[in-house]
Protein backbone atom coordinates (compact mmCIF):
# COMPACT_ATOMS: atom_id res chain seq x y z
CA MET A 1 -27.75 -36.26 -7.71
CA ASP A 2 -24.91 -35.24 -10.31
CA PHE A 3 -22.38 -33.26 -8.93
CA ALA A 4 -19.98 -33.55 -11.86
CA PHE A 5 -18.29 -30.34 -12.62
CA ASP A 6 -19.75 -29.01 -16.14
CA ALA A 7 -17.29 -27.54 -18.91
CA ARG A 8 -17.70 -23.86 -17.78
CA THR A 9 -16.68 -24.85 -14.07
CA GLU A 10 -13.85 -26.68 -15.03
CA GLU A 11 -12.83 -23.73 -16.96
CA LEU A 12 -13.39 -21.41 -14.11
CA ARG A 13 -11.66 -23.90 -11.84
CA ALA A 14 -8.48 -23.94 -14.02
CA LYS A 15 -8.05 -20.22 -14.49
CA LEU A 16 -8.93 -19.57 -10.76
CA LEU A 17 -5.98 -22.17 -9.29
CA ALA A 18 -3.53 -20.56 -11.55
CA PHE A 19 -4.80 -17.04 -10.79
CA MET A 20 -3.96 -18.41 -7.30
CA ASP A 21 -0.73 -19.61 -7.66
CA GLU A 22 0.74 -16.72 -10.02
CA HIS A 23 -0.88 -13.51 -8.28
CA VAL A 24 -2.98 -14.61 -4.74
CA TYR A 25 -0.36 -16.66 -2.70
CA PRO A 26 2.62 -14.67 -3.78
CA ALA A 27 0.64 -11.10 -2.47
CA GLU A 28 -0.21 -12.68 0.82
CA ALA A 29 3.03 -11.50 2.58
CA THR A 30 3.17 -8.51 0.12
CA GLU A 31 -0.14 -7.43 1.46
CA HIS A 32 0.83 -7.67 5.21
CA GLU A 33 3.84 -5.58 4.17
CA GLN A 34 1.71 -2.92 2.78
CA ARG A 35 -0.61 -2.70 5.37
CA ALA A 36 2.13 -1.95 8.03
CA GLN A 37 3.02 0.91 6.21
CA LEU A 38 -0.27 2.57 5.60
CA ALA A 39 -1.70 5.61 7.38
CA SER A 40 -4.49 3.87 8.76
CA PRO A 41 -4.41 0.00 8.96
CA TRP A 42 -8.05 0.26 7.55
CA ASP A 43 -6.87 1.67 4.17
CA THR A 44 -6.44 -0.69 1.14
CA PRO A 45 -3.08 -1.99 0.19
CA ALA A 46 -2.01 -1.44 -3.16
CA ILE A 47 -1.63 -5.12 -3.91
CA VAL A 48 -5.10 -5.94 -3.39
CA GLU A 49 -6.43 -2.71 -6.33
CA GLU A 50 -3.77 -4.76 -8.44
CA LEU A 51 -5.35 -7.91 -7.55
CA LYS A 52 -8.72 -7.15 -8.29
CA ALA A 53 -7.91 -5.25 -11.61
CA GLU A 54 -6.15 -8.73 -12.78
CA ALA A 55 -9.46 -10.70 -11.82
CA ARG A 56 -11.88 -8.53 -13.53
CA LYS A 57 -9.15 -8.91 -16.56
CA GLN A 58 -9.33 -12.44 -16.22
CA GLY A 59 -13.29 -12.78 -16.21
CA LEU A 60 -12.81 -13.64 -12.49
CA TRP A 61 -15.49 -11.16 -11.26
CA ASN A 62 -18.51 -11.41 -9.05
CA LEU A 63 -18.60 -14.75 -9.73
CA PHE A 64 -21.08 -15.35 -6.54
CA LEU A 65 -23.96 -13.84 -7.89
CA PRO A 66 -26.35 -15.94 -9.92
CA ASP A 67 -28.04 -13.06 -11.30
CA ALA A 68 -26.66 -13.24 -15.15
CA GLU A 69 -27.66 -9.74 -15.70
CA HIS A 70 -25.45 -8.51 -12.82
CA GLY A 71 -23.17 -11.21 -12.15
CA ALA A 72 -21.51 -14.39 -13.46
CA GLY A 73 -24.86 -16.29 -13.78
CA LEU A 74 -23.70 -19.43 -12.28
CA THR A 75 -25.64 -22.13 -10.12
CA ASN A 76 -25.05 -22.46 -6.85
CA LEU A 77 -23.10 -25.95 -8.02
CA GLN A 78 -20.92 -24.30 -10.21
CA TYR A 79 -19.71 -21.51 -7.71
CA ALA A 80 -19.46 -24.14 -4.86
CA PRO A 81 -15.75 -25.11 -5.83
CA LEU A 82 -14.68 -22.00 -6.93
CA ALA A 83 -15.44 -20.89 -3.46
CA GLU A 84 -13.40 -23.52 -1.85
CA ILE A 85 -10.80 -22.42 -3.94
CA THR A 86 -10.88 -18.99 -2.57
CA GLY A 87 -11.05 -19.93 1.09
CA ARG A 88 -7.36 -21.10 0.56
CA SER A 89 -6.48 -17.51 0.93
CA PRO A 90 -10.04 -16.14 2.61
CA HIS A 91 -8.64 -13.09 3.70
CA LEU A 92 -7.18 -11.98 0.07
CA ALA A 93 -8.97 -13.86 -2.78
CA PRO A 94 -12.50 -13.20 -2.26
CA THR A 95 -11.74 -9.53 -1.95
CA ALA A 96 -9.78 -10.19 -5.27
CA LEU A 97 -12.72 -11.57 -6.79
CA ASN A 98 -15.12 -9.15 -5.56
CA CYS A 99 -16.84 -11.94 -3.73
CA ALA A 100 -16.13 -11.08 -0.45
CA ALA A 101 -18.79 -11.10 2.61
CA PRO A 102 -20.32 -8.89 3.53
CA ASP A 103 -20.47 -7.36 0.09
CA THR A 104 -21.60 -10.41 -1.29
CA GLY A 105 -24.71 -10.56 0.49
CA ASN A 106 -26.01 -6.69 0.17
CA MET A 107 -25.29 -7.06 -3.53
CA GLU A 108 -27.59 -10.20 -3.37
CA VAL A 109 -30.11 -7.97 -1.36
CA LEU A 110 -30.07 -5.35 -3.70
CA ALA A 111 -30.08 -7.21 -7.01
CA GLN A 112 -33.28 -9.37 -5.50
CA PHE A 113 -35.27 -6.90 -3.67
CA GLY A 114 -33.74 -3.24 -4.76
CA THR A 115 -35.60 -0.66 -6.53
CA ASP A 116 -34.15 0.53 -9.77
CA GLU A 117 -32.83 3.92 -8.01
CA GLN A 118 -31.19 1.82 -5.14
CA LYS A 119 -29.44 -0.69 -7.90
CA LYS A 120 -28.22 2.66 -9.47
CA GLU A 121 -26.64 4.10 -6.49
CA TRP A 122 -25.40 1.32 -4.53
CA LEU A 123 -25.31 -1.75 -6.33
CA GLU A 124 -23.88 -0.70 -9.33
CA PRO A 125 -20.77 0.58 -7.82
CA LEU A 126 -20.58 -2.27 -5.44
CA LEU A 127 -20.67 -4.73 -8.49
CA ALA A 128 -17.85 -2.84 -10.08
CA GLY A 129 -15.63 -2.92 -6.60
CA GLU A 130 -15.75 0.99 -6.43
CA ILE A 131 -17.14 1.03 -2.77
CA ARG A 132 -17.53 -1.49 0.18
CA SER A 133 -20.97 -2.21 2.25
CA ALA A 134 -21.88 -3.53 5.68
CA PHE A 135 -24.54 -5.33 6.89
CA ALA A 136 -25.98 -3.96 10.38
CA MET A 137 -27.83 -6.69 11.84
CA THR A 138 -25.95 -7.84 15.34
CA GLU A 139 -26.84 -5.85 18.78
CA PRO A 140 -24.59 -6.28 21.97
CA GLU A 141 -27.49 -5.75 24.44
CA VAL A 142 -29.50 -9.22 23.19
CA ALA A 143 -29.25 -12.44 21.87
CA SER A 144 -29.54 -11.48 18.01
CA SER A 145 -29.78 -14.74 16.88
CA ASP A 146 -33.19 -14.53 17.56
CA ALA A 147 -34.41 -11.45 15.64
CA SER A 148 -37.50 -10.76 17.36
CA ASN A 149 -34.96 -9.66 19.96
CA ILE A 150 -33.45 -7.00 17.78
CA GLU A 151 -33.97 -3.33 19.55
CA THR A 152 -33.02 -0.76 16.77
CA ARG A 153 -35.82 0.94 15.59
CA ILE A 154 -36.55 2.13 12.26
CA GLU A 155 -39.90 4.90 12.74
CA ARG A 156 -41.48 6.49 9.95
CA ASP A 157 -41.75 10.30 10.21
CA GLY A 158 -43.38 11.66 7.29
CA ASP A 159 -41.53 11.16 3.98
CA ASP A 160 -38.16 9.56 6.15
CA TYR A 161 -37.69 7.04 8.54
CA VAL A 162 -35.80 7.81 11.65
CA ILE A 163 -33.18 5.11 13.23
CA ASN A 164 -32.23 4.61 16.28
CA GLY A 165 -29.90 1.92 17.54
CA ARG A 166 -26.62 0.07 18.45
CA LYS A 167 -24.94 -2.56 16.73
CA TRP A 168 -21.52 -4.72 17.10
CA TYR A 169 -19.58 -6.82 15.04
CA ILE A 170 -20.53 -5.41 11.81
CA SER A 171 -18.27 -6.44 9.44
CA GLY A 172 -16.60 -4.27 6.59
CA ALA A 173 -17.51 -0.69 8.57
CA MET A 174 -13.93 0.04 9.36
CA ASN A 175 -13.10 -0.04 5.58
CA PRO A 176 -13.29 3.98 4.54
CA LYS A 177 -14.34 2.60 1.34
CA CYS A 178 -17.70 1.24 3.46
CA GLN A 179 -20.05 3.83 2.04
CA ILE A 180 -23.26 2.29 2.77
CA PHE A 181 -25.20 0.41 5.59
CA ILE A 182 -27.80 -2.25 5.16
CA VAL A 183 -29.43 -1.93 8.70
CA MET A 184 -32.11 -4.16 10.25
CA GLY A 185 -34.37 -3.13 12.76
CA LYS A 186 -38.09 -2.92 14.15
CA SER A 187 -40.62 -0.67 12.25
CA ASP A 188 -43.75 -2.80 13.95
CA PRO A 189 -42.62 -3.62 17.53
CA GLU A 190 -46.26 -4.94 18.20
CA GLY A 191 -46.62 -6.84 14.90
CA ASP A 192 -46.57 -10.47 14.20
CA ALA A 193 -42.87 -11.84 15.39
CA ARG A 194 -41.61 -12.46 11.66
CA ARG A 195 -43.28 -9.23 10.57
CA GLN A 196 -42.06 -6.65 12.81
CA GLN A 197 -38.33 -6.18 11.34
CA SER A 198 -37.24 -4.12 8.18
CA MET A 199 -34.50 -3.24 6.35
CA ILE A 200 -33.06 0.27 5.43
CA LEU A 201 -30.28 1.53 3.27
CA VAL A 202 -28.26 3.97 5.60
CA PRO A 203 -25.38 5.77 3.83
CA ARG A 204 -22.48 6.15 6.06
CA ASP A 205 -22.05 10.02 5.71
CA THR A 206 -25.64 10.56 7.14
CA PRO A 207 -25.69 12.65 10.22
CA GLY A 208 -26.31 10.53 13.39
CA VAL A 209 -24.28 7.30 12.28
CA GLU A 210 -21.02 6.78 14.41
CA VAL A 211 -18.57 4.22 13.62
CA ARG A 212 -17.33 4.03 17.21
CA ARG A 213 -14.73 1.37 17.64
CA ALA A 214 -13.35 -1.66 15.67
CA MET A 215 -14.23 -5.08 17.61
CA GLN A 216 -11.50 -7.68 17.67
CA VAL A 217 -11.59 -11.48 17.00
CA TYR A 218 -9.51 -13.39 19.30
CA GLY A 219 -7.38 -10.57 19.58
CA TYR A 220 -7.28 -10.09 15.70
CA GLU A 221 -8.57 -6.97 13.48
CA ASP A 222 -9.40 -8.13 10.54
CA HIS A 223 -8.05 -5.49 8.27
CA SER A 224 -8.39 -7.18 4.86
CA HIS A 225 -12.12 -7.35 5.28
CA GLY A 226 -12.88 -4.06 6.80
CA GLY A 227 -12.90 -5.24 10.21
CA HIS A 228 -16.01 -5.87 12.34
CA ALA A 229 -16.94 -2.24 14.06
CA GLU A 230 -19.51 -1.17 16.61
CA VAL A 231 -21.79 1.33 15.42
CA VAL A 232 -24.16 3.54 16.97
CA PHE A 233 -27.53 5.14 15.11
CA THR A 234 -28.54 8.30 17.20
CA ASP A 235 -31.86 10.43 15.37
CA VAL A 236 -30.43 8.92 11.75
CA ARG A 237 -32.62 10.41 9.25
CA VAL A 238 -33.00 8.76 5.57
CA PRO A 239 -35.62 8.98 3.10
CA ALA A 240 -38.63 6.64 2.87
CA SER A 241 -37.34 5.47 -0.45
CA ASN A 242 -34.01 3.82 1.35
CA LEU A 243 -36.50 1.11 2.64
CA ILE A 244 -35.86 -2.17 0.87
CA GLY A 245 -38.76 -4.03 -0.20
CA GLU A 246 -41.77 -3.64 1.98
CA GLU A 247 -42.03 -2.47 5.75
CA GLY A 248 -42.00 -5.57 7.84
CA GLY A 249 -40.33 -7.48 5.02
CA GLY A 250 -37.07 -7.49 6.88
CA PHE A 251 -37.08 -10.95 8.02
CA ALA A 252 -38.06 -12.54 4.84
CA ILE A 253 -35.14 -10.65 3.10
CA ALA A 254 -32.93 -11.55 6.16
CA GLN A 255 -33.71 -15.12 5.12
CA ALA A 256 -33.12 -14.96 1.82
CA ARG A 257 -29.92 -13.08 1.96
CA LEU A 258 -28.59 -15.66 4.70
CA GLY A 259 -29.26 -18.81 2.98
CA PRO A 260 -26.37 -18.74 0.01
CA GLY A 261 -24.21 -16.63 2.53
CA ARG A 262 -24.17 -20.07 4.55
CA ILE A 263 -22.99 -22.35 1.76
CA HIS A 264 -20.49 -19.49 0.44
CA HIS A 265 -18.65 -20.02 4.38
CA CYS A 266 -18.97 -23.25 4.36
CA MET A 267 -17.12 -23.91 1.00
CA ARG A 268 -14.40 -21.23 1.60
CA LEU A 269 -14.40 -23.18 5.16
CA ILE A 270 -13.06 -26.55 3.48
CA GLY A 271 -10.49 -24.56 1.45
CA MET A 272 -9.33 -23.24 4.63
CA ALA A 273 -9.18 -27.20 5.74
CA GLU A 274 -7.36 -28.11 2.21
CA ARG A 275 -4.79 -25.28 3.08
CA ALA A 276 -4.39 -26.63 6.80
CA ILE A 277 -4.09 -30.32 5.14
CA GLU A 278 -1.33 -28.93 2.71
CA LEU A 279 0.72 -27.24 5.52
CA MET A 280 0.59 -29.86 8.27
CA CYS A 281 1.62 -32.52 5.67
CA LYS A 282 4.51 -30.41 4.35
CA ARG A 283 5.73 -29.21 8.30
CA ALA A 284 5.23 -33.36 9.28
CA VAL A 285 7.47 -34.37 6.55
CA SER A 286 10.42 -31.63 7.05
CA ARG A 287 10.46 -31.82 10.85
CA HIS A 288 12.26 -34.02 13.16
CA ALA A 289 11.97 -35.17 16.73
CA PHE A 290 13.28 -37.81 18.96
CA GLY A 291 14.98 -39.31 15.96
CA LYS A 292 12.58 -39.40 13.23
CA ALA A 293 9.96 -37.06 11.25
CA ILE A 294 7.01 -35.93 12.87
CA ALA A 295 5.00 -37.67 9.74
CA GLU A 296 6.31 -40.85 11.60
CA GLN A 297 4.30 -40.01 14.21
CA GLY A 298 0.87 -42.27 14.66
CA VAL A 299 -0.74 -39.73 16.22
CA VAL A 300 -0.12 -37.15 13.55
CA GLN A 301 -0.85 -39.70 10.59
CA ASN A 302 -4.08 -40.49 12.27
CA TRP A 303 -4.39 -36.74 12.11
CA ILE A 304 -3.93 -36.28 8.57
CA ALA A 305 -5.86 -39.45 7.71
CA ASP A 306 -9.00 -38.21 9.93
CA ALA A 307 -8.78 -34.71 8.15
CA ARG A 308 -8.83 -36.11 4.53
CA VAL A 309 -11.80 -38.17 5.54
CA THR A 310 -13.88 -35.06 6.96
CA VAL A 311 -12.93 -33.00 4.18
CA GLU A 312 -14.43 -35.38 1.35
CA GLN A 313 -17.41 -35.76 3.36
CA LEU A 314 -18.13 -32.28 4.22
CA ARG A 315 -17.57 -31.46 0.27
CA LEU A 316 -20.37 -33.83 -0.53
CA LEU A 317 -22.79 -32.49 1.51
CA VAL A 318 -21.85 -29.28 0.58
CA LEU A 319 -22.18 -29.84 -3.34
CA LYS A 320 -25.52 -31.83 -2.32
CA THR A 321 -26.96 -28.66 -0.61
CA ALA A 322 -25.77 -26.57 -3.26
CA TRP A 323 -27.51 -28.99 -5.91
CA LEU A 324 -30.68 -28.77 -4.18
CA MET A 325 -30.86 -25.01 -3.93
CA ASP A 326 -30.47 -25.10 -7.50
CA THR A 327 -33.12 -27.42 -8.07
CA VAL A 328 -35.97 -27.51 -5.18
CA GLY A 329 -34.71 -23.61 -3.89
CA ASN A 330 -33.10 -22.56 -0.63
CA ARG A 331 -36.67 -23.76 1.24
CA GLY A 332 -36.56 -27.05 -0.34
CA ALA A 333 -32.73 -27.13 1.21
CA HIS A 334 -33.15 -26.00 4.42
CA THR A 335 -32.33 -29.09 6.35
CA GLU A 336 -29.18 -29.64 4.44
CA ILE A 337 -28.16 -25.44 4.53
CA GLN A 338 -28.41 -26.02 8.29
CA ALA A 339 -26.52 -29.06 8.42
CA ILE A 340 -23.42 -27.91 6.63
CA LYS A 341 -23.52 -24.76 8.97
CA ILE A 342 -23.12 -27.03 12.09
CA ALA A 343 -21.19 -29.62 10.81
CA THR A 344 -18.27 -27.49 8.41
CA PRO A 345 -17.08 -25.03 11.20
CA ARG A 346 -16.98 -27.64 13.53
CA ALA A 347 -14.98 -30.24 11.70
CA VAL A 348 -12.52 -27.26 10.25
CA VAL A 349 -11.94 -25.75 13.48
CA GLU A 350 -10.67 -29.44 14.57
CA ILE A 351 -8.50 -29.83 11.66
CA LEU A 352 -6.98 -26.08 11.87
CA ASP A 353 -6.22 -27.13 15.65
CA HIS A 354 -4.56 -30.11 14.61
CA ALA A 355 -2.27 -28.02 11.95
CA VAL A 356 -1.36 -25.59 14.55
CA GLN A 357 -0.25 -28.27 16.97
CA VAL A 358 2.19 -29.88 14.10
CA HIS A 359 3.70 -26.36 13.75
CA GLY A 360 4.23 -26.09 17.11
CA ALA A 361 5.23 -22.27 18.13
CA GLY A 362 4.60 -21.65 14.59
CA GLY A 363 1.52 -22.64 14.32
CA VAL A 364 0.33 -19.62 16.48
CA SER A 365 2.79 -16.94 15.18
CA GLN A 366 2.13 -14.69 12.51
CA ASP A 367 4.75 -16.71 10.14
CA PHE A 368 2.09 -19.10 9.24
CA PRO A 369 -1.52 -18.06 8.32
CA LEU A 370 -2.87 -21.11 10.53
CA ALA A 371 -4.24 -19.11 13.67
CA GLU A 372 -5.44 -16.34 11.54
CA LEU A 373 -7.38 -18.92 9.62
CA TRP A 374 -8.27 -20.90 13.22
CA SER A 375 -9.71 -17.68 14.08
CA ALA A 376 -11.80 -17.03 11.17
CA ALA A 377 -13.25 -20.67 11.25
CA ARG A 378 -13.79 -20.53 15.14
CA THR A 379 -15.89 -17.54 14.47
CA LEU A 380 -18.32 -19.11 11.61
CA LYS A 381 -19.71 -21.40 14.49
CA LEU A 382 -21.45 -18.14 15.39
CA ALA A 383 -21.65 -16.08 12.26
CA ASP A 384 -24.95 -16.56 10.48
CA GLY A 385 -26.39 -17.93 13.44
CA PRO A 386 -24.67 -19.98 15.95
CA ASP A 387 -24.69 -24.00 15.87
CA GLU A 388 -27.31 -24.31 18.78
CA VAL A 389 -29.72 -22.35 16.95
CA HIS A 390 -29.53 -24.74 13.57
CA GLN A 391 -29.21 -27.48 15.99
CA ARG A 392 -32.77 -26.55 18.02
CA SER A 393 -34.40 -25.90 14.41
CA LEU A 394 -33.00 -28.98 12.62
CA ALA A 395 -34.20 -31.44 15.71
CA ARG A 396 -37.20 -30.18 15.48
CA ARG A 397 -37.73 -30.71 12.35
CA GLU A 398 -36.83 -34.32 12.79
CA LEU A 399 -38.83 -34.80 15.53
CA LYS A 400 -41.85 -33.45 14.00
CA LYS A 401 -41.84 -36.82 11.76
CA TYR A 402 -43.11 -38.54 15.04
CA LEU A 403 -45.13 -36.36 16.43
């Protein structure tokens, strides 16, 4: 296993680090100020479009997509350290580079499974950053971690499909630029458990699509990523040509989509942890209590040391996972993908919690990014499958060796 960064990765890392210092970090406060002045908090502040234009000019665009025809053509191992850097400002940097979820996963689905017509109509404007998208899978009435529970129906009717169902926590759907939904639902409820589901493209302006409300995450409305919405589909009719792949192929497409998404999340989480360590150290050396710097307190030193050890361990595990995905494929890296999904959010939540503690009241305020980062990291213990589902699957794979 060789995790050394090649020349192209080093070049892109240097450019991206400079972009973060020169453009992204200074824009964080501006983005909040501009958003407060918008007619709707879901509109896009001007500074975001300026960052996107600059990133594209510098060639820092669509770095996530390994398909050289549509993206940067980077391997998972090449993209991993770049995703980590964007995680230092997760509410701004991924969007600036057109590397933000859920668009990334949706573009991967369209690039891999879409027809030429679907690519032209939806993938091309997504790649250009002209529109946004949403992935509608999770439902409020069932445990959606088990895809066989999903109740939304996708039923064939002549040359059309008709969709009925209720989804929630549909990321990106509150953004007015979100023009297309990839909807997962049951097309054959009586079929094999892994052949019941299909995925279909539903334009936002289709009659019967209702974006009902924004869902909060620990009290936050994630404006920068287009929020998380409850969406209801009532007798929504779309052409049969909007089906992605084949009928009954939804489960397999979901698995293909979620594997790369999990490693992207984990690398960005490591970037969030690095930002937390930096802020924690700066705060600890600058604040004094009981006659000495907080940094001299043994418990704070332990937090900082443990955080550094944890981040180095996690990074190596994620890089190993990226290397395996490149060399033996997502299926061959299944154990490691689950391992990083279990370990990374859990550890980063703890690091962020300690960083909040060092900041005192400031840590839970809007004056520092820590509370928002904590909320995002804690949510990732649920997103793309809750920890317990991955633990169950991983344990079964380990036990199988002894049965």
